[in-house]
Amino acid sequence: MKPERRLLLAHCAAYSLSILGGLAVVVPLALNGSHFKGRCLLFSRGFWRTENRSGAFLGRGADPGVEAGLWGWPGAVSEAGAAGGSVSVSRLVMEEWGPPAACQLPAFVGVFTVLFGAAQSWRSLFYLQQRHDDTLLFSSLTLLLSVSLLCLSLLSSATLSLGFLYWCDTVTDHQTVAFSCPEAQAVPLYLDVDTSAFYSELTWAQAGLWSVTVLWLCVSVLSLLRVCLSQRGLHRGGACLARDKELLLGVGSDPQPTHTHIQTHTHLHTPGHFV
């Protein structure tokens, strides 16, 4: 198999994997946006506050003993909750939700990766079947677009990872409570959103986005190799064309000197004939 065909086949495989990586980003982020009612938890700020509430309020969704074991830190639930009196409940109070752009950027990268990967996969398969290849211009455009998407996916991956760390610091009160960030999704935070799966959703989105970044790096390298092969083929074709042109010009100019030589030879012998 020629090197051009191997690079095209590797491109097709990378684009196909990018579709799966993009779906691994889009689906968890969509679920998280639905559970959080459109709010973005990345770079959110909040604090813990202890409130006195009646035992009737606590009895609707939790058992005092179980909840105290979940919290594992003083002041979470008082002993009066078991008798139906007032209880001290520690809840998370959000000062400010994260900027929507922090969640929209990874979602955009995931959606665009799925669409662009599907289009390029079909295009690569078509070229493999028809035994065609890109020109130097289209190969350069593909390289430019791949590098741009690599930078964009790298930026969105860093944004998602840093924003997730901010949220975990907020939920765990900068790691001063007994539970960790993965355990926090099983702890009632008393927010008006569903926090029962936030860690799983963002972990999948984070893994998918970094995978997409690695895939775009591979695609950029493959695109660079295809550009180099296209330039080499163009130079090789130009050299062959110049050689053929020289041969054609040489064949066309050969008869003229021969004819001139014959005419000159005849002209030199003409006076001797009259003498």
Protein backbone atom coordinates (compact mmCIF):
# COMPACT_ATOMS: atom_id res chain seq x y z
CA MET A 1 0.00 0.00 0.00
CA LYS A 2 1.30 3.45 -0.90
CA PRO A 3 2.13 5.94 1.87
CA GLU A 4 -0.67 8.23 0.70
CA ARG A 5 -3.22 5.43 1.10
CA ARG A 6 -1.91 4.55 4.55
CA LEU A 7 -2.19 8.14 5.72
CA LEU A 8 -5.70 8.38 4.33
CA LEU A 9 -6.69 5.18 6.13
CA ALA A 10 -5.20 6.48 9.41
CA HIS A 11 -7.09 9.75 8.92
CA CYS A 12 -10.34 7.85 8.48
CA ALA A 13 -9.74 5.87 11.70
CA ALA A 14 -8.90 9.03 13.67
CA TYR A 15 -12.03 10.81 12.44
CA SER A 16 -14.18 7.81 13.36
CA LEU A 17 -12.75 7.77 16.89
CA SER A 18 -13.33 11.51 17.19
CA ILE A 19 -17.07 10.91 16.73
CA LEU A 20 -17.09 8.65 19.80
CA GLY A 21 -15.00 11.14 21.75
CA GLY A 22 -17.32 13.99 20.87
CA LEU A 23 -20.36 12.00 21.97
CA ALA A 24 -18.60 11.23 25.27
CA VAL A 25 -18.41 15.00 25.80
CA VAL A 26 -21.83 16.09 24.56
CA VAL A 27 -24.04 13.50 26.28
CA PRO A 28 -22.75 13.98 29.89
CA LEU A 29 -22.75 17.77 29.54
CA ALA A 30 -26.31 17.70 28.23
CA LEU A 31 -27.42 15.53 31.16
CA ASN A 32 -25.63 17.79 33.63
CA GLY A 33 -27.23 20.88 32.13
CA SER A 34 -30.63 19.28 32.45
CA HIS A 35 -30.05 18.24 36.07
CA PHE A 36 -28.77 21.70 37.00
CA LYS A 37 -31.61 23.48 35.13
CA GLY A 38 -29.30 25.20 32.67
CA ARG A 39 -26.88 26.48 35.29
CA CYS A 40 -23.12 25.95 34.92
CA LEU A 41 -21.37 24.50 37.95
CA LEU A 42 -17.86 25.19 36.61
CA PHE A 43 -16.10 27.97 38.58
CA SER A 44 -19.09 28.26 40.93
CA ARG A 45 -18.65 29.88 44.34
CA GLY A 46 -20.49 29.06 47.53
CA PHE A 47 -20.19 28.39 51.24
CA TRP A 48 -21.64 26.13 53.89
CA ARG A 49 -24.20 27.46 56.35
CA THR A 50 -25.88 25.79 59.31
CA GLU A 51 -29.62 26.37 59.65
CA ASN A 52 -32.17 25.32 62.27
CA ARG A 53 -35.04 23.40 60.76
CA SER A 54 -37.86 21.33 62.12
CA GLY A 55 -37.76 17.56 62.32
CA ALA A 56 -40.73 17.42 59.97
CA PHE A 57 -38.62 19.00 57.23
CA LEU A 58 -35.84 16.50 57.78
CA GLY A 59 -38.22 13.57 57.88
CA ARG A 60 -39.37 14.16 54.30
CA GLY A 61 -36.12 13.03 52.74
CA ALA A 62 -33.54 11.81 55.23
CA ASP A 63 -32.96 10.04 58.51
CA PRO A 64 -31.06 12.07 61.14
CA GLY A 65 -28.69 9.23 62.05
CA VAL A 66 -27.91 8.40 58.43
CA GLU A 67 -27.45 12.03 57.50
CA ALA A 68 -25.14 12.65 60.44
CA GLY A 69 -23.05 9.72 59.31
CA LEU A 70 -22.91 11.11 55.82
CA TRP A 71 -21.81 14.51 56.92
CA GLY A 72 -19.33 13.26 59.51
CA TRP A 73 -18.55 16.70 60.90
CA PRO A 74 -19.84 18.60 63.97
CA GLY A 75 -22.97 20.65 63.73
CA ALA A 76 -24.51 18.77 60.82
CA VAL A 77 -27.59 17.42 62.58
CA SER A 78 -28.49 17.79 66.24
CA GLU A 79 -29.79 14.96 68.42
CA ALA A 80 -33.12 16.70 68.72
CA GLY A 81 -33.98 15.63 65.17
CA ALA A 82 -34.65 12.08 66.35
CA ALA A 83 -37.38 13.34 68.71
CA GLY A 84 -39.01 15.46 66.03
CA GLY A 85 -37.72 18.80 67.36
CA SER A 86 -35.60 21.38 65.62
CA VAL A 87 -32.45 20.22 63.91
CA SER A 88 -29.31 21.96 62.70
CA VAL A 89 -28.83 21.30 59.02
CA SER A 90 -25.73 22.35 57.11
CA ARG A 91 -26.51 23.24 53.54
CA LEU A 92 -24.57 24.60 50.60
CA VAL A 93 -25.40 28.19 49.70
CA MET A 94 -24.41 29.30 46.23
CA GLU A 95 -23.00 32.79 45.98
CA GLU A 96 -22.59 32.74 42.23
CA TRP A 97 -23.01 30.10 39.57
CA GLY A 98 -20.31 29.67 36.96
CA PRO A 99 -20.31 31.62 33.69
CA PRO A 100 -22.36 29.91 30.97
CA ALA A 101 -19.47 30.22 28.51
CA ALA A 102 -17.40 27.83 30.66
CA CYS A 103 -19.89 25.04 29.92
CA GLN A 104 -20.79 26.17 26.41
CA LEU A 105 -17.21 26.01 25.11
CA PRO A 106 -16.69 22.26 25.85
CA ALA A 107 -20.17 21.52 24.51
CA PHE A 108 -19.40 23.41 21.29
CA VAL A 109 -16.13 21.53 20.85
CA GLY A 110 -17.93 18.22 21.38
CA VAL A 111 -20.72 18.99 18.90
CA PHE A 112 -18.35 20.34 16.25
CA THR A 113 -16.07 17.32 16.69
CA VAL A 114 -18.98 14.94 16.06
CA LEU A 115 -20.14 16.81 12.94
CA PHE A 116 -16.69 17.43 11.48
CA GLY A 117 -15.54 13.89 12.26
CA ALA A 118 -18.59 12.40 10.55
CA ALA A 119 -18.12 14.54 7.43
CA GLN A 120 -14.40 13.82 7.19
CA SER A 121 -14.89 10.10 7.81
CA TRP A 122 -17.33 9.88 4.90
CA ARG A 123 -14.97 11.92 2.73
CA SER A 124 -11.99 9.72 3.58
CA LEU A 125 -13.96 6.56 2.85
CA PHE A 126 -15.04 8.01 -0.49
CA TYR A 127 -11.43 8.79 -1.41
CA LEU A 128 -10.35 5.30 -0.38
CA GLN A 129 -12.97 3.70 -2.62
CA GLN A 130 -12.37 6.01 -5.58
CA ARG A 131 -8.57 5.97 -5.11
CA HIS A 132 -8.40 9.76 -4.99
CA ASP A 133 -6.44 12.06 -2.73
CA ASP A 134 -6.56 15.70 -1.69
CA THR A 135 -4.74 18.39 -3.59
CA LEU A 136 -2.09 20.50 -1.92
CA LEU A 137 -4.60 23.29 -1.30
CA PHE A 138 -7.18 21.08 0.43
CA SER A 139 -4.46 19.31 2.42
CA SER A 140 -3.22 22.68 3.68
CA LEU A 141 -6.74 23.76 4.62
CA THR A 142 -7.27 20.50 6.51
CA LEU A 143 -4.00 21.04 8.38
CA LEU A 144 -4.97 24.59 9.32
CA LEU A 145 -8.39 23.52 10.54
CA SER A 146 -6.97 20.58 12.50
CA VAL A 147 -4.44 22.78 14.30
CA SER A 148 -7.17 25.32 15.11
CA LEU A 149 -9.39 22.61 16.57
CA LEU A 150 -6.45 21.24 18.54
CA CYS A 151 -5.88 24.62 20.20
CA LEU A 152 -9.61 25.05 20.85
CA SER A 153 -10.03 21.58 22.36
CA LEU A 154 -6.93 22.09 24.53
CA LEU A 155 -8.37 25.35 25.84
CA SER A 156 -11.77 23.80 26.54
CA SER A 157 -10.18 20.79 28.27
CA ALA A 158 -8.19 23.04 30.59
CA THR A 159 -11.32 25.11 31.26
CA LEU A 160 -13.38 22.06 32.14
CA SER A 161 -10.70 20.58 34.40
CA LEU A 162 -10.04 23.83 36.29
CA GLY A 163 -13.75 24.61 36.62
CA PHE A 164 -14.39 21.12 37.97
CA LEU A 165 -11.66 21.62 40.61
CA TYR A 166 -13.29 24.90 41.67
CA TRP A 167 -16.64 23.14 42.09
CA CYS A 168 -15.10 20.31 44.11
CA ASP A 169 -13.39 22.83 46.40
CA THR A 170 -16.74 24.54 46.93
CA VAL A 171 -18.61 21.32 47.65
CA THR A 172 -15.97 19.96 50.05
CA ASP A 173 -15.38 23.39 51.66
CA HIS A 174 -11.75 23.28 50.48
CA GLN A 175 -11.41 19.70 51.79
CA THR A 176 -12.34 20.56 55.36
CA VAL A 177 -15.27 18.14 55.53
CA ALA A 178 -15.12 14.38 55.96
CA PHE A 179 -16.46 13.43 52.53
CA SER A 180 -14.68 13.75 49.20
CA CYS A 181 -15.93 15.18 45.92
CA PRO A 182 -17.03 11.78 44.51
CA GLU A 183 -18.95 11.12 47.74
CA ALA A 184 -20.57 14.55 47.65
CA GLN A 185 -23.01 13.50 44.95
CA ALA A 186 -24.56 11.09 47.49
CA VAL A 187 -24.87 13.83 50.13
CA PRO A 188 -27.96 16.10 50.19
CA LEU A 189 -26.76 19.63 49.41
CA TYR A 190 -30.26 21.15 49.72
CA LEU A 191 -30.02 22.97 46.41
CA ASP A 192 -32.84 23.39 43.90
CA VAL A 193 -30.96 21.22 41.40
CA ASP A 194 -30.27 17.52 41.07
CA THR A 195 -26.73 16.84 42.36
CA SER A 196 -26.97 13.05 42.48
CA ALA A 197 -24.71 12.43 39.45
CA PHE A 198 -22.62 15.56 38.88
CA TYR A 199 -19.27 13.87 39.56
CA SER A 200 -19.92 10.97 37.17
CA GLU A 201 -21.16 13.29 34.43
CA LEU A 202 -18.24 15.70 34.60
CA THR A 203 -15.71 12.88 34.89
CA TRP A 204 -16.99 11.34 31.66
CA ALA A 205 -17.04 14.74 29.93
CA GLN A 206 -13.53 15.50 31.11
CA ALA A 207 -12.16 12.16 29.91
CA GLY A 208 -13.92 12.51 26.57
CA LEU A 209 -12.64 16.04 26.03
CA TRP A 210 -9.02 15.17 26.75
CA SER A 211 -9.38 12.17 24.42
CA VAL A 212 -10.65 14.50 21.70
CA THR A 213 -7.61 16.73 22.27
CA VAL A 214 -5.25 13.78 21.78
CA LEU A 215 -7.13 12.75 18.64
CA TRP A 216 -6.87 16.26 17.16
CA LEU A 217 -3.14 16.15 17.85
CA CYS A 218 -2.91 12.90 15.88
CA VAL A 219 -5.01 14.35 13.07
CA SER A 220 -2.77 17.44 12.92
CA VAL A 221 0.34 15.28 12.60
CA LEU A 222 -1.27 13.15 9.89
CA SER A 223 -2.39 16.27 8.03
CA LEU A 224 1.15 17.65 8.13
CA LEU A 225 2.49 14.40 6.67
CA ARG A 226 -0.09 14.51 3.89
CA VAL A 227 0.90 18.10 3.05
CA CYS A 228 4.56 17.04 2.83
CA LEU A 229 3.66 14.14 0.54
CA SER A 230 1.52 16.41 -1.64
CA GLN A 231 4.39 18.90 -2.00
CA ARG A 232 6.81 16.11 -2.87
CA GLY A 233 4.42 14.76 -5.47
CA LEU A 234 3.92 18.25 -6.90
CA HIS A 235 7.66 18.84 -7.20
CA ARG A 236 8.14 15.42 -8.72
CA GLY A 237 5.39 16.07 -11.22
CA GLY A 238 6.85 19.48 -12.07
CA ALA A 239 10.28 17.98 -12.69
CA CYS A 240 8.81 15.33 -14.99
CA LEU A 241 6.85 17.98 -16.87
CA ALA A 242 9.95 20.12 -17.36
CA ARG A 243 11.92 17.11 -18.61
CA ASP A 244 9.19 16.20 -21.09
CA LYS A 245 9.09 19.79 -22.31
CA GLU A 246 12.84 19.82 -22.89
CA LEU A 247 12.61 16.58 -24.83
CA LEU A 248 9.82 17.90 -27.01
CA LEU A 249 11.68 21.12 -27.73
CA GLY A 250 14.82 19.16 -28.52
CA VAL A 251 13.03 16.92 -31.01
CA GLY A 252 11.39 19.91 -32.68
CA SER A 253 14.67 21.81 -33.10
CA ASP A 254 16.77 18.96 -34.54
CA PRO A 255 15.58 19.07 -38.23
CA GLN A 256 16.28 22.80 -38.65
CA PRO A 257 20.10 22.62 -38.30
CA THR A 258 20.21 19.61 -40.64
CA HIS A 259 18.27 21.50 -43.32
CA THR A 260 20.47 24.54 -42.97
CA HIS A 261 23.58 22.39 -43.29
CA ILE A 262 22.27 20.86 -46.50
CA GLN A 263 21.45 24.28 -47.94
CA THR A 264 24.88 25.61 -47.06
CA HIS A 265 26.58 22.58 -48.58
CA THR A 266 24.62 23.01 -51.81
CA HIS A 267 25.44 26.70 -51.98
CA LEU A 268 29.13 26.04 -51.62
CA HIS A 269 29.23 23.58 -54.50
CA THR A 270 27.12 25.67 -56.92
CA PRO A 271 29.97 27.87 -58.32
CA GLY A 272 32.10 24.82 -59.09
CA HIS A 273 29.32 23.52 -61.29
CA PHE A 274 29.34 26.60 -63.53
CA VAL A 275 33.12 26.62 -63.81
